[in-house]
């Protein structure tokens, strides 16, 4: 279970980083709103 969670987290993180680097501020903001509940420490 922990292995699956780690794998999915790594994959999701890499996808999010790629999208944030490519896309506009609007999409970046939407992603930020989406991950905020899961990563409250992200500013």
N, C-alpha and C. Protein backbone atom coordinates (compact mmCIF):
# COMPACT_ATOMS: atom_id res chain seq x y z
N UNK A 1 0.84 -1.20 0.00
CA UNK A 1 0.00 0.00 0.00
C UNK A 1 0.88 1.25 0.00
N UNK A 2 1.88 1.25 0.87
CA UNK A 2 2.78 2.40 0.96
C UNK A 2 3.60 2.55 -0.32
N UNK A 3 3.98 1.42 -0.89
CA UNK A 3 4.75 1.45 -2.15
C UNK A 3 3.92 2.08 -3.26
N UNK A 4 2.64 1.68 -3.34
CA UNK A 4 1.75 2.21 -4.36
C UNK A 4 1.56 3.72 -4.18
N UNK A 5 1.37 4.14 -2.94
CA UNK A 5 1.18 5.55 -2.65
C UNK A 5 2.41 6.35 -3.04
N UNK A 6 3.59 5.82 -2.73
CA UNK A 6 4.84 6.50 -3.07
C UNK A 6 5.00 6.61 -4.58
N UNK A 7 4.68 5.53 -5.29
CA UNK A 7 4.79 5.52 -6.75
C UNK A 7 3.86 6.54 -7.37
N UNK A 8 2.61 6.55 -6.92
CA UNK A 8 1.63 7.49 -7.46
C UNK A 8 2.00 8.93 -7.13
N UNK A 9 2.51 9.15 -5.92
CA UNK A 9 2.91 10.49 -5.51
C UNK A 9 4.04 11.01 -6.39
N UNK A 10 5.03 10.14 -6.65
CA UNK A 10 6.16 10.53 -7.49
C UNK A 10 5.71 10.84 -8.90
N UNK A 11 4.83 10.00 -9.44
CA UNK A 11 4.33 10.20 -10.80
C UNK A 11 3.53 11.49 -10.90
N UNK A 12 2.65 11.70 -9.92
CA UNK A 12 1.81 12.90 -9.90
C UNK A 12 2.67 14.15 -9.78
N UNK A 13 3.68 14.08 -8.92
CA UNK A 13 4.55 15.23 -8.71
C UNK A 13 5.29 15.60 -10.00
N UNK A 14 5.80 14.58 -10.71
CA UNK A 14 6.53 14.85 -11.95
C UNK A 14 5.61 15.44 -13.01
N UNK A 15 4.38 14.94 -13.07
CA UNK A 15 3.40 15.47 -14.04
C UNK A 15 3.07 16.92 -13.70
N UNK A 16 2.82 17.17 -12.42
CA UNK A 16 2.47 18.52 -12.00
C UNK A 16 3.60 19.50 -12.30
N UNK A 17 4.83 19.09 -12.03
CA UNK A 17 5.99 19.95 -12.30
C UNK A 17 6.08 20.26 -13.79
N UNK A 18 5.88 19.25 -14.62
CA UNK A 18 5.93 19.44 -16.07
C UNK A 18 4.86 20.40 -16.54
N UNK A 19 3.66 20.23 -16.01
CA UNK A 19 2.53 21.07 -16.42
C UNK A 19 2.75 22.51 -15.97
N UNK A 20 3.18 22.67 -14.72
CA UNK A 20 3.40 24.02 -14.18
C UNK A 20 4.45 24.76 -15.00
N UNK A 21 5.50 24.04 -15.43
CA UNK A 21 6.55 24.68 -16.20
C UNK A 21 6.07 25.08 -17.59
N UNK A 22 5.11 24.34 -18.14
CA UNK A 22 4.67 24.59 -19.52
C UNK A 22 3.48 25.55 -19.62
N UNK A 23 2.57 25.44 -18.67
CA UNK A 23 1.29 26.10 -18.83
C UNK A 23 1.25 27.52 -18.26
N UNK A 24 0.08 28.13 -18.38
CA UNK A 24 -0.09 29.52 -17.97
C UNK A 24 -0.32 29.66 -16.48
N UNK A 25 -0.36 30.89 -16.00
CA UNK A 25 -0.58 31.17 -14.59
C UNK A 25 -1.95 30.66 -14.14
N UNK A 26 -2.93 30.70 -15.04
CA UNK A 26 -4.28 30.24 -14.70
C UNK A 26 -4.27 28.77 -14.34
N UNK A 27 -3.65 27.95 -15.18
CA UNK A 27 -3.60 26.52 -14.92
C UNK A 27 -2.75 26.24 -13.69
N UNK A 28 -1.68 27.00 -13.53
CA UNK A 28 -0.81 26.86 -12.36
C UNK A 28 -1.62 27.11 -11.08
N UNK A 29 -2.47 28.11 -11.13
CA UNK A 29 -3.31 28.44 -9.99
C UNK A 29 -4.30 27.32 -9.69
N UNK A 30 -4.89 26.74 -10.75
CA UNK A 30 -5.83 25.63 -10.57
C UNK A 30 -5.15 24.44 -9.93
N UNK A 31 -3.93 24.14 -10.37
CA UNK A 31 -3.17 23.03 -9.80
C UNK A 31 -2.86 23.32 -8.34
N UNK A 32 -2.49 24.55 -8.05
CA UNK A 32 -2.21 24.94 -6.67
C UNK A 32 -3.42 24.75 -5.78
N UNK A 33 -4.59 25.12 -6.29
CA UNK A 33 -5.82 24.95 -5.53
C UNK A 33 -6.12 23.47 -5.31
N UNK A 34 -5.77 22.63 -6.31
CA UNK A 34 -6.04 21.21 -6.23
C UNK A 34 -5.16 20.51 -5.20
N UNK A 35 -3.88 20.87 -5.17
CA UNK A 35 -2.93 20.18 -4.28
C UNK A 35 -2.87 20.81 -2.88
N UNK A 36 -3.49 21.99 -2.73
CA UNK A 36 -3.43 22.68 -1.43
C UNK A 36 -3.90 21.81 -0.26
N UNK A 37 -5.02 21.09 -0.38
CA UNK A 37 -5.48 20.25 0.74
C UNK A 37 -4.49 19.15 1.09
N UNK A 38 -3.72 18.69 0.10
CA UNK A 38 -2.81 17.58 0.32
C UNK A 38 -1.44 18.06 0.79
N UNK A 39 -1.07 19.29 0.41
CA UNK A 39 0.22 19.83 0.80
C UNK A 39 0.05 21.24 1.36
N UNK A 40 -0.42 21.36 2.60
CA UNK A 40 -0.71 22.66 3.21
C UNK A 40 0.54 23.52 3.41
N UNK A 41 1.72 22.89 3.33
CA UNK A 41 2.95 23.66 3.55
C UNK A 41 3.40 24.39 2.31
N UNK A 42 2.80 24.06 1.15
CA UNK A 42 3.19 24.72 -0.10
C UNK A 42 2.62 26.12 -0.14
N UNK A 43 3.47 27.10 -0.40
CA UNK A 43 3.02 28.49 -0.43
C UNK A 43 2.68 28.88 -1.85
